[in-house]
Amino acid sequence: MRGIMQVLSNRDIKSIHSVGVRSIPKVQRSGYLELYMLRRERDRLDKEIVAIDKRRGSANRQLNSINKRIEKLQQETDREQKLGTHRNIPARPLKTVSIAY
């Protein structure tokens, strides 16, 4: 079974830029225009990589925080099991008082 990250999406489809197809025959088009378009695409992809790196850093920080919390809670539950007490069950019974209305 595939994970959600392994499923192909519309980002995996080849675009006209990646295939290199142009509407103007090669003889009639300008090399400068081609260079300009490719540089713009390269700059866009560089910006996208920077954004992805920021998201990756944020996700890694959150993951580290969650792992630390898991370790702390795991240690607490291990200590509680060794002592034989639980958080919600008091060690001695509660005193009750009846109230007449």
N, C-alpha and C. Protein backbone atom coordinates (compact mmCIF):
# COMPACT_ATOMS: atom_id res chain seq x y z
N MET A 1 0.83 -1.17 0.00
CA MET A 1 0.00 0.00 0.00
C MET A 1 0.89 1.25 0.00
N ARG A 2 0.55 2.21 -0.81
CA ARG A 2 1.33 3.43 -0.91
C ARG A 2 0.97 4.42 0.18
N GLY A 3 1.97 5.18 0.60
CA GLY A 3 1.71 6.27 1.53
C GLY A 3 1.19 7.47 0.76
N ILE A 4 0.64 8.42 1.46
CA ILE A 4 0.07 9.59 0.81
C ILE A 4 1.13 10.40 0.08
N MET A 5 2.37 10.36 0.57
CA MET A 5 3.43 11.13 -0.07
C MET A 5 3.94 10.47 -1.35
N GLN A 6 3.61 9.20 -1.56
CA GLN A 6 4.08 8.49 -2.74
C GLN A 6 3.09 8.54 -3.89
N VAL A 7 1.89 9.06 -3.64
CA VAL A 7 0.89 9.14 -4.69
C VAL A 7 1.25 10.29 -5.63
N LEU A 8 1.18 10.02 -6.93
CA LEU A 8 1.51 11.05 -7.91
C LEU A 8 0.43 12.13 -7.91
N SER A 9 0.84 13.37 -8.13
CA SER A 9 -0.11 14.48 -8.17
C SER A 9 0.14 15.29 -9.43
N ASN A 10 -0.58 16.42 -9.53
CA ASN A 10 -0.41 17.25 -10.72
C ASN A 10 0.96 17.90 -10.79
N ARG A 11 1.70 17.96 -9.69
CA ARG A 11 3.06 18.51 -9.71
C ARG A 11 4.05 17.56 -10.40
N ASP A 12 3.67 16.29 -10.52
CA ASP A 12 4.57 15.31 -11.13
C ASP A 12 4.40 15.23 -12.65
N ILE A 13 3.41 15.89 -13.19
CA ILE A 13 3.18 15.87 -14.63
C ILE A 13 4.17 16.81 -15.30
N LYS A 14 4.74 16.36 -16.39
CA LYS A 14 5.70 17.21 -17.10
C LYS A 14 4.96 18.41 -17.70
N SER A 15 5.60 19.57 -17.60
CA SER A 15 5.01 20.78 -18.15
C SER A 15 5.66 21.09 -19.50
N ILE A 16 5.16 22.12 -20.14
CA ILE A 16 5.73 22.52 -21.42
C ILE A 16 7.18 22.97 -21.23
N HIS A 17 7.48 23.60 -20.08
CA HIS A 17 8.85 24.03 -19.83
C HIS A 17 9.79 22.85 -19.70
N SER A 18 9.36 21.81 -18.99
CA SER A 18 10.26 20.68 -18.79
C SER A 18 10.43 19.84 -20.06
N VAL A 19 9.42 19.84 -20.90
CA VAL A 19 9.52 19.07 -22.15
C VAL A 19 10.30 19.86 -23.19
N GLY A 20 10.20 21.20 -23.15
CA GLY A 20 10.93 22.04 -24.10
C GLY A 20 10.15 22.34 -25.36
N VAL A 21 8.84 22.18 -25.32
CA VAL A 21 8.00 22.44 -26.50
C VAL A 21 7.70 23.93 -26.56
N ARG A 22 7.83 24.52 -27.76
CA ARG A 22 7.50 25.93 -27.97
C ARG A 22 6.59 26.05 -29.19
N SER A 23 5.80 27.12 -29.19
CA SER A 23 4.86 27.30 -30.30
C SER A 23 5.54 27.91 -31.52
N ILE A 24 6.66 28.59 -31.31
CA ILE A 24 7.37 29.23 -32.42
C ILE A 24 8.48 28.30 -32.88
N PRO A 25 8.63 28.11 -34.19
CA PRO A 25 9.73 27.27 -34.68
C PRO A 25 11.08 27.82 -34.20
N LYS A 26 12.05 26.94 -34.03
CA LYS A 26 13.34 27.31 -33.47
C LYS A 26 14.05 28.36 -34.32
N VAL A 27 13.85 28.33 -35.59
CA VAL A 27 14.51 29.29 -36.50
C VAL A 27 14.00 30.70 -36.23
N GLN A 28 12.72 30.86 -35.91
CA GLN A 28 12.12 32.19 -35.77
C GLN A 28 12.20 32.76 -34.35
N ARG A 29 12.44 31.95 -33.36
CA ARG A 29 12.43 32.48 -31.99
C ARG A 29 13.80 33.02 -31.59
N SER A 30 13.76 33.88 -30.59
CA SER A 30 14.97 34.54 -30.13
C SER A 30 15.60 33.74 -28.99
N GLY A 31 16.90 33.63 -29.02
CA GLY A 31 17.61 32.96 -27.95
C GLY A 31 17.55 33.74 -26.66
N TYR A 32 17.46 35.08 -26.78
CA TYR A 32 17.37 35.93 -25.60
C TYR A 32 16.07 35.69 -24.84
N LEU A 33 14.98 35.55 -25.59
CA LEU A 33 13.70 35.28 -24.95
C LEU A 33 13.74 33.93 -24.23
N GLU A 34 14.33 32.96 -24.88
CA GLU A 34 14.46 31.63 -24.26
C GLU A 34 15.28 31.71 -22.97
N LEU A 35 16.40 32.44 -23.00
CA LEU A 35 17.22 32.61 -21.80
C LEU A 35 16.45 33.32 -20.69
N TYR A 36 15.70 34.36 -21.07
CA TYR A 36 14.92 35.11 -20.10
C TYR A 36 13.89 34.21 -19.42
N MET A 37 13.18 33.43 -20.21
CA MET A 37 12.14 32.54 -19.68
C MET A 37 12.76 31.47 -18.76
N LEU A 38 13.87 30.90 -19.17
CA LEU A 38 14.52 29.88 -18.36
C LEU A 38 15.06 30.46 -17.06
N ARG A 39 15.60 31.68 -17.09
CA ARG A 39 16.10 32.31 -15.88
C ARG A 39 14.96 32.63 -14.91
N ARG A 40 13.84 33.08 -15.45
CA ARG A 40 12.67 33.34 -14.60
C ARG A 40 12.19 32.06 -13.93
N GLU A 41 12.16 30.99 -14.69
CA GLU A 41 11.74 29.70 -14.13
C GLU A 41 12.73 29.23 -13.06
N ARG A 42 14.02 29.41 -13.32
CA ARG A 42 15.04 29.04 -12.34
C ARG A 42 14.89 29.86 -11.05
N ASP A 43 14.66 31.17 -11.18
CA ASP A 43 14.47 32.02 -10.00
C ASP A 43 13.24 31.61 -9.22
N ARG A 44 12.16 31.27 -9.92
CA ARG A 44 10.94 30.83 -9.25
C ARG A 44 11.18 29.55 -8.47
N LEU A 45 11.91 28.62 -9.07
CA LEU A 45 12.20 27.36 -8.41
C LEU A 45 13.14 27.56 -7.22
N ASP A 46 14.09 28.49 -7.34
CA ASP A 46 14.96 28.81 -6.20
C ASP A 46 14.15 29.33 -5.02
N LYS A 47 13.20 30.22 -5.30
CA LYS A 47 12.34 30.75 -4.24
C LYS A 47 11.49 29.65 -3.62
N GLU A 48 11.01 28.73 -4.45
CA GLU A 48 10.21 27.62 -3.95
C GLU A 48 11.05 26.72 -3.03
N ILE A 49 12.29 26.49 -3.40
CA ILE A 49 13.17 25.67 -2.57
C ILE A 49 13.42 26.35 -1.22
N VAL A 50 13.60 27.67 -1.21
CA VAL A 50 13.78 28.40 0.04
C VAL A 50 12.55 28.26 0.92
N ALA A 51 11.36 28.39 0.31
CA ALA A 51 10.12 28.25 1.07
C ALA A 51 9.97 26.84 1.64
N ILE A 52 10.34 25.84 0.85
CA ILE A 52 10.26 24.45 1.31
C ILE A 52 11.24 24.22 2.45
N ASP A 53 12.44 24.80 2.36
CA ASP A 53 13.42 24.66 3.44
C ASP A 53 12.92 25.28 4.73
N LYS A 54 12.24 26.43 4.64
CA LYS A 54 11.67 27.05 5.83
C LYS A 54 10.61 26.15 6.44
N ARG A 55 9.74 25.58 5.60
CA ARG A 55 8.71 24.68 6.10
C ARG A 55 9.32 23.44 6.72
N ARG A 56 10.39 22.92 6.11
CA ARG A 56 11.08 21.75 6.65
C ARG A 56 11.67 22.06 8.02
N GLY A 57 12.30 23.24 8.16
CA GLY A 57 12.86 23.64 9.45
C GLY A 57 11.79 23.75 10.51
N SER A 58 10.67 24.35 10.16
CA SER A 58 9.56 24.48 11.11
C SER A 58 9.02 23.10 11.50
N ALA A 59 8.87 22.24 10.54
CA ALA A 59 8.38 20.89 10.82
C ALA A 59 9.36 20.12 11.70
N ASN A 60 10.66 20.29 11.47
CA ASN A 60 11.66 19.62 12.30
C ASN A 60 11.63 20.13 13.73
N ARG A 61 11.45 21.45 13.92
CA ARG A 61 11.36 21.99 15.27
C ARG A 61 10.13 21.43 15.99
N GLN A 62 9.00 21.39 15.30
CA GLN A 62 7.78 20.83 15.90
C GLN A 62 7.97 19.36 16.24
N LEU A 63 8.61 18.62 15.36
CA LEU A 63 8.85 17.20 15.58
C LEU A 63 9.76 16.99 16.79
N ASN A 64 10.80 17.80 16.91
CA ASN A 64 11.69 17.70 18.08
C ASN A 64 10.95 18.01 19.37
N SER A 65 10.09 19.03 19.33
CA SER A 65 9.31 19.39 20.51
C SER A 65 8.38 18.25 20.91
N ILE A 66 7.72 17.65 19.94
CA ILE A 66 6.81 16.54 20.21
C ILE A 66 7.58 15.34 20.76
N ASN A 67 8.75 15.06 20.20
CA ASN A 67 9.56 13.93 20.69
C ASN A 67 9.99 14.15 22.14
N LYS A 68 10.35 15.40 22.49
CA LYS A 68 10.72 15.69 23.87
C LYS A 68 9.54 15.50 24.81
N ARG A 69 8.36 15.96 24.38
CA ARG A 69 7.16 15.79 25.21
C ARG A 69 6.82 14.31 25.38
N ILE A 70 6.99 13.53 24.32
CA ILE A 70 6.72 12.09 24.40
C ILE A 70 7.67 11.44 25.39
N GLU A 71 8.96 11.79 25.32
CA GLU A 71 9.94 11.23 26.26
C GLU A 71 9.58 11.57 27.70
N LYS A 72 9.23 12.84 27.94
CA LYS A 72 8.89 13.28 29.28
C LYS A 72 7.67 12.52 29.81
N LEU A 73 6.62 12.41 28.99
CA LEU A 73 5.42 11.69 29.41
C LEU A 73 5.69 10.21 29.61
N GLN A 74 6.55 9.64 28.77
CA GLN A 74 6.90 8.24 28.91
C GLN A 74 7.61 7.99 30.24
N GLN A 75 8.51 8.88 30.60
CA GLN A 75 9.22 8.75 31.88
C GLN A 75 8.25 8.88 33.05
N GLU A 76 7.30 9.82 32.95
CA GLU A 76 6.31 9.99 34.03
C GLU A 76 5.45 8.74 34.19
N THR A 77 4.99 8.18 33.08
CA THR A 77 4.15 6.99 33.16
C THR A 77 4.95 5.79 33.69
N ASP A 78 6.22 5.71 33.33
CA ASP A 78 7.05 4.63 33.86
C ASP A 78 7.22 4.75 35.37
N ARG A 79 7.44 5.99 35.86
CA ARG A 79 7.56 6.22 37.30
C ARG A 79 6.26 5.87 38.01
N GLU A 80 5.12 6.25 37.42
CA GLU A 80 3.83 5.96 38.05
C GLU A 80 3.58 4.46 38.12
N GLN A 81 3.99 3.73 37.09
CA GLN A 81 3.81 2.28 37.11
C GLN A 81 4.68 1.65 38.19
N LYS A 82 5.88 2.14 38.38
CA LYS A 82 6.77 1.59 39.41
C LYS A 82 6.23 1.86 40.81
N LEU A 83 5.64 3.05 41.01
CA LEU A 83 5.10 3.40 42.31
C LEU A 83 3.74 2.76 42.55
N GLY A 84 3.05 2.41 41.50
CA GLY A 84 1.74 1.78 41.63
C GLY A 84 0.61 2.76 41.87
N THR A 85 0.82 4.03 41.59
CA THR A 85 -0.25 5.02 41.74
C THR A 85 -0.65 5.54 40.37
N HIS A 86 -1.82 6.11 40.35
CA HIS A 86 -2.32 6.70 39.11
C HIS A 86 -2.73 8.13 39.40
N ARG A 87 -2.74 8.95 38.42
CA ARG A 87 -3.07 10.37 38.60
C ARG A 87 -4.50 10.58 39.08
N ASN A 88 -5.45 9.89 38.50
CA ASN A 88 -6.85 10.15 38.77
C ASN A 88 -7.36 9.45 40.03
N ILE A 89 -6.66 8.46 40.50
CA ILE A 89 -7.11 7.72 41.68
C ILE A 89 -6.31 8.20 42.88
N PRO A 90 -6.97 8.82 43.87
CA PRO A 90 -6.22 9.30 45.03
C PRO A 90 -5.70 8.13 45.86
N ALA A 91 -4.64 8.37 46.62
CA ALA A 91 -4.04 7.34 47.44
C ALA A 91 -4.96 6.95 48.60
N ARG A 92 -5.76 7.88 49.13
CA ARG A 92 -6.70 7.58 50.22
C ARG A 92 -8.09 8.06 49.79
N PRO A 93 -9.12 7.49 50.33
CA PRO A 93 -10.47 7.90 49.92
C PRO A 93 -10.78 9.33 50.38
N LEU A 94 -11.61 10.00 49.59
CA LEU A 94 -12.01 11.36 49.92
C LEU A 94 -13.05 11.38 51.03
N LYS A 95 -12.98 12.37 51.88
CA LYS A 95 -13.99 12.54 52.92
C LYS A 95 -15.19 13.25 52.32
N THR A 96 -16.38 12.76 52.62
CA THR A 96 -17.60 13.38 52.10
C THR A 96 -18.44 13.92 53.24
N VAL A 97 -19.17 14.95 52.96
CA VAL A 97 -20.06 15.57 53.94
C VAL A 97 -21.43 15.69 53.30
N SER A 98 -22.46 15.28 53.99
CA SER A 98 -23.81 15.40 53.43
C SER A 98 -24.34 16.80 53.79
N ILE A 99 -25.06 17.36 52.87
CA ILE A 99 -25.63 18.71 53.05
C ILE A 99 -27.15 18.60 52.94
N ALA A 100 -27.84 19.13 53.89
CA ALA A 100 -29.30 19.13 53.86
C ALA A 100 -29.77 20.49 53.38
N TYR A 101 -30.72 20.49 52.43
CA TYR A 101 -31.27 21.73 51.89
C TYR A 101 -32.55 22.11 52.53
